[in-house]
N, C-alpha and C. Protein backbone atom coordinates (compact mmCIF):
# COMPACT_ATOMS: atom_id res chain seq x y z
N MET A 1 106.99 142.01 -105.30
CA MET A 1 105.20 142.25 -105.54
C MET A 1 105.21 142.40 -103.93
N GLY A 2 104.30 143.69 -104.02
CA GLY A 2 103.98 143.80 -102.11
C GLY A 2 102.86 144.76 -102.25
N LEU A 3 102.15 144.74 -101.05
CA LEU A 3 101.10 145.47 -100.98
C LEU A 3 100.99 145.99 -99.36
N ASP A 4 100.97 147.18 -99.23
CA ASP A 4 101.02 147.94 -98.20
C ASP A 4 99.74 148.15 -97.32
N ALA A 5 99.94 148.25 -96.33
CA ALA A 5 98.79 148.95 -95.44
C ALA A 5 97.92 149.93 -95.60
N HIS A 6 98.22 150.62 -96.65
CA HIS A 6 97.52 151.87 -97.01
C HIS A 6 97.04 151.77 -98.18
N GLY A 7 97.32 150.29 -99.21
CA GLY A 7 96.61 150.06 -100.30
C GLY A 7 97.44 150.37 -101.61
N ASN A 8 98.71 150.47 -101.28
CA ASN A 8 99.96 151.11 -102.50
C ASN A 8 100.08 149.43 -102.84
N MET A 9 100.49 149.19 -103.91
CA MET A 9 100.52 148.11 -104.89
C MET A 9 102.32 148.24 -105.64
N GLY A 10 103.36 147.23 -105.37
CA GLY A 10 104.45 147.63 -105.84
C GLY A 10 104.75 146.10 -106.67
N LEU A 11 105.69 146.41 -107.43
CA LEU A 11 106.20 145.36 -108.04
C LEU A 11 107.64 145.77 -108.95
N GLY A 12 108.82 144.68 -108.17
CA GLY A 12 110.06 145.24 -108.28
C GLY A 12 110.71 144.20 -109.56
N LEU A 13 111.07 144.28 -110.79
CA LEU A 13 111.98 143.46 -111.61
C LEU A 13 113.50 143.48 -111.84
N ASP A 14 114.07 142.87 -111.38
CA ASP A 14 115.24 142.26 -111.46
C ASP A 14 116.28 141.88 -112.41
N ALA A 15 117.44 142.71 -112.32
CA ALA A 15 118.52 142.69 -113.39
C ALA A 15 119.69 141.25 -112.95
N PRO A 16 120.10 140.75 -113.28
CA PRO A 16 121.65 139.65 -112.91
C PRO A 16 122.31 140.26 -111.43
N ARG A 17 122.66 139.65 -110.36
CA ARG A 17 123.70 140.11 -109.79
C ARG A 17 124.63 141.01 -110.22
N CYS A 18 125.11 141.94 -109.80
CA CYS A 18 126.16 142.88 -109.95
C CYS A 18 127.65 141.76 -109.88
N THR A 19 128.63 141.86 -110.51
CA THR A 19 129.73 141.23 -110.10
C THR A 19 130.85 141.84 -110.05
N SER A 20 130.75 143.48 -109.81
CA SER A 20 131.87 144.40 -109.85
C SER A 20 131.56 144.88 -108.13
N THR A 21 130.32 145.38 -108.03
CA THR A 21 130.19 146.17 -106.98
C THR A 21 128.88 145.63 -106.41
N PRO A 22 129.28 145.84 -105.14
CA PRO A 22 127.74 145.48 -104.46
C PRO A 22 126.83 146.01 -104.78
N CYS A 23 125.64 145.83 -105.26
CA CYS A 23 124.17 146.87 -105.24
C CYS A 23 122.73 146.19 -105.72
N ASN A 24 121.83 146.94 -105.35
CA ASN A 24 120.74 146.25 -105.63
C ASN A 24 120.42 145.95 -107.27
N ILE A 25 119.82 144.86 -106.82
CA ILE A 25 119.68 144.06 -108.26
C ILE A 25 118.30 144.56 -108.97
N GLU A 26 117.35 145.42 -108.14
CA GLU A 26 116.31 145.90 -108.87
C GLU A 26 116.53 147.12 -109.32
N ARG A 27 115.82 146.75 -111.15
CA ARG A 27 115.92 147.71 -112.17
C ARG A 27 114.67 148.43 -112.70
N ILE A 28 113.93 147.83 -112.48
CA ILE A 28 112.42 148.75 -112.35
C ILE A 28 111.06 148.25 -111.24
N ASN A 29 111.08 149.33 -111.35
CA ASN A 29 109.60 149.27 -110.44
C ASN A 29 108.48 149.87 -110.90
N LEU A 30 107.12 149.10 -110.83
CA LEU A 30 106.00 149.37 -111.39
C LEU A 30 105.08 149.61 -110.07
N ASP A 31 104.42 150.86 -109.90
CA ASP A 31 103.88 151.30 -108.40
C ASP A 31 102.45 151.61 -109.11
N ALA A 32 101.54 151.30 -107.88
CA ALA A 32 100.26 151.89 -108.10
C ALA A 32 99.75 152.08 -106.86
N ASP A 33 99.51 153.68 -106.50
CA ASP A 33 99.13 153.79 -105.01
C ASP A 33 97.43 153.71 -105.08
N ALA A 34 97.60 154.22 -103.44
CA ALA A 34 96.11 153.81 -103.06
C ALA A 34 95.33 155.11 -103.54
N GLU A 35 96.05 156.00 -103.58
CA GLU A 35 95.32 157.68 -104.24
C GLU A 35 94.88 157.86 -105.77
N GLY A 36 95.07 156.54 -106.79
CA GLY A 36 94.95 156.37 -107.80
C GLY A 36 96.24 156.83 -109.00
N GLY A 37 97.67 156.78 -108.33
CA GLY A 37 98.51 157.48 -109.30
C GLY A 37 99.03 156.24 -109.59
N ALA A 38 100.19 156.60 -110.04
CA ALA A 38 101.36 155.21 -110.64
C ALA A 38 102.63 155.71 -111.02
N GLN A 39 103.42 155.02 -111.20
CA GLN A 39 104.92 155.35 -111.58
C GLN A 39 105.37 154.25 -112.18
N LEU A 40 106.56 154.20 -113.30
CA LEU A 40 107.24 152.98 -113.92
C LEU A 40 108.78 153.79 -113.52
N ARG A 41 109.68 153.09 -112.60
CA ARG A 41 110.63 153.68 -111.84
C ARG A 41 112.26 152.80 -112.88
N PHE A 42 113.13 153.77 -113.34
CA PHE A 42 114.12 152.60 -113.78
C PHE A 42 115.12 153.32 -112.97
N LEU A 43 116.12 152.04 -112.30
CA LEU A 43 117.02 152.23 -111.39
C LEU A 43 118.44 152.22 -112.26
N ASP A 44 119.46 152.43 -111.80
CA ASP A 44 120.81 152.55 -112.54
C ASP A 44 121.26 151.48 -111.74
N ARG A 45 122.89 151.17 -112.41
CA ARG A 45 123.71 149.78 -111.50
C ARG A 45 123.86 150.29 -110.20
N GLN A 46 124.15 151.88 -109.59
CA GLN A 46 124.05 151.91 -108.18
C GLN A 46 122.64 152.36 -107.82
N THR A 47 121.90 151.89 -108.25
CA THR A 47 120.71 152.06 -107.16
C THR A 47 119.90 153.44 -107.10
N GLY A 48 120.73 154.13 -108.18
CA GLY A 48 120.16 155.73 -108.08
C GLY A 48 118.88 155.51 -109.25
N VAL A 49 117.61 156.61 -108.89
CA VAL A 49 116.69 156.56 -109.92
C VAL A 49 117.08 157.45 -111.22
N ALA A 50 117.47 156.73 -112.21
CA ALA A 50 117.55 157.10 -113.34
C ALA A 50 116.65 157.84 -114.67
N ALA A 51 115.58 157.46 -114.13
CA ALA A 51 114.28 158.01 -114.92
C ALA A 51 112.93 157.66 -114.51
N ARG A 52 111.79 157.97 -114.73
CA ARG A 52 110.67 157.72 -114.07
C ARG A 52 109.62 157.97 -115.10
N MET A 53 108.86 157.26 -115.35
CA MET A 53 107.29 158.11 -115.92
C MET A 53 106.07 157.74 -114.68
N LEU A 54 105.29 158.95 -114.47
CA LEU A 54 104.71 159.13 -113.18
C LEU A 54 103.26 159.66 -113.89
N LEU A 55 102.09 158.99 -113.13
CA LEU A 55 100.71 159.61 -113.26
C LEU A 55 100.80 160.13 -112.38
N ASP A 56 100.61 161.64 -112.11
CA ASP A 56 100.64 162.42 -111.17
C ASP A 56 99.29 163.01 -110.50
N ILE A 57 99.21 163.62 -109.33
CA ILE A 57 97.91 163.91 -108.94
C ILE A 57 97.00 164.63 -109.76
N ASP A 58 97.73 165.16 -110.33
CA ASP A 58 96.96 166.24 -111.50
C ASP A 58 96.45 165.54 -112.63
N ASP A 59 96.66 163.96 -112.71
CA ASP A 59 96.10 163.19 -113.66
C ASP A 59 96.87 163.26 -115.06
N ARG A 60 98.01 163.92 -115.18
CA ARG A 60 98.70 164.09 -116.39
C ARG A 60 99.97 162.90 -116.24
N VAL A 61 100.53 163.14 -116.86
CA VAL A 61 101.70 161.78 -117.29
C VAL A 61 102.83 162.75 -117.22
N TYR A 62 103.91 162.36 -116.62
CA TYR A 62 105.20 163.10 -117.21
C TYR A 62 106.49 161.85 -117.06
N LEU A 63 107.21 162.71 -117.62
CA LEU A 63 108.61 161.64 -118.04
C LEU A 63 109.87 162.59 -116.70
N ASP A 64 110.54 161.87 -116.05
CA ASP A 64 111.35 162.73 -115.71
C ASP A 64 112.82 161.50 -115.64
N PHE A 65 113.64 162.62 -116.19
CA PHE A 65 115.34 161.89 -116.03
C PHE A 65 116.03 162.54 -114.96
N VAL A 66 116.95 161.41 -114.15
CA VAL A 66 117.34 162.14 -112.82
C VAL A 66 119.09 162.04 -113.10
N ARG A 67 119.50 162.88 -112.60
CA ARG A 67 120.71 162.99 -112.20
C ARG A 67 121.26 163.16 -111.04
N VAL A 68 121.60 162.35 -110.23
CA VAL A 68 122.23 162.14 -109.17
C VAL A 68 123.67 162.70 -108.70
N LEU A 69 124.12 164.02 -108.35
CA LEU A 69 125.73 164.32 -108.35
C LEU A 69 125.96 164.48 -107.06
N GLN A 70 126.96 164.38 -106.56
CA GLN A 70 127.61 164.90 -105.00
C GLN A 70 126.90 165.81 -104.60
N ASP A 71 126.82 166.92 -105.24
CA ASP A 71 126.17 168.06 -104.71
C ASP A 71 124.83 168.74 -104.86
N SER A 72 124.25 167.70 -106.13
CA SER A 72 123.07 168.31 -106.12
C SER A 72 122.34 167.05 -107.14
N VAL A 73 121.14 167.19 -106.75
CA VAL A 73 120.48 166.33 -107.80
C VAL A 73 119.45 166.89 -108.75
N LYS A 74 119.51 166.92 -110.50
CA LYS A 74 119.50 167.54 -111.14
C LYS A 74 117.72 166.67 -112.08
N LEU A 75 116.73 167.16 -112.07
CA LEU A 75 115.71 166.40 -112.91
C LEU A 75 115.20 167.21 -114.12
N HIS A 76 114.86 166.87 -114.92
CA HIS A 76 114.09 167.44 -116.35
C HIS A 76 112.93 166.28 -116.13
N ARG A 77 111.98 167.44 -116.23
CA ARG A 77 110.73 166.89 -116.15
C ARG A 77 109.96 167.19 -117.98
N LEU A 78 109.49 165.93 -118.49
CA LEU A 78 108.82 166.30 -119.81
C LEU A 78 107.35 166.04 -119.61
N GLY A 79 106.55 166.72 -120.16
CA GLY A 79 104.89 166.87 -120.30
C GLY A 79 104.41 167.42 -121.33
N LEU A 80 103.22 167.26 -121.12
CA LEU A 80 102.58 167.92 -121.99
C LEU A 80 102.04 169.58 -121.98
N ALA A 81 102.03 170.00 -120.75
CA ALA A 81 101.94 171.28 -120.13
C ALA A 81 103.29 171.73 -120.64
N ALA A 82 104.50 171.68 -120.08
CA ALA A 82 105.75 172.16 -120.47
C ALA A 82 106.41 171.55 -120.03
N ASP A 83 107.88 171.56 -120.59
CA ASP A 83 109.12 170.84 -119.93
C ASP A 83 109.78 171.88 -118.94
N THR A 84 110.28 171.29 -117.92
CA THR A 84 110.63 171.86 -116.54
C THR A 84 111.78 171.10 -116.03
N SER A 85 113.23 172.40 -115.86
CA SER A 85 114.14 171.29 -115.33
C SER A 85 114.49 172.04 -113.72
N PHE A 86 114.68 171.05 -112.98
CA PHE A 86 115.15 171.69 -111.28
C PHE A 86 116.10 171.00 -110.85
N VAL A 87 117.23 171.52 -109.93
CA VAL A 87 118.09 171.54 -109.58
C VAL A 87 118.11 171.63 -107.81
N VAL A 88 118.49 170.37 -107.26
CA VAL A 88 118.60 170.48 -105.80
C VAL A 88 119.27 170.37 -105.38
N VAL A 89 120.08 171.42 -104.61
CA VAL A 89 121.55 171.29 -103.77
C VAL A 89 121.06 170.27 -102.60
N ARG A 90 121.98 169.24 -102.65
CA ARG A 90 122.38 168.14 -101.38
C ARG A 90 122.98 168.86 -100.47
N LYS A 91 122.59 168.41 -99.39
CA LYS A 91 123.11 168.88 -97.76
C LYS A 91 123.59 167.87 -97.36
């Protein structure tokens, strides 16, 4: 659990240590930021973001599914306004 100088609060929940590969044991993060936003983030076994639920600056809740590939990052966002898919090419 941590509080930074800007007023952002974070809590990380850990899984058991990985036995086969070195990795970050953190699996779930709960964050509340100083601007009134919040997110619940799920990390995969390679410490990448697999999904997150967030309260954005527009006061809407979104559910993001993330897939990190070698050459790009794919994100599918679900929300009441509309579903959106993004692909960001990695350099």
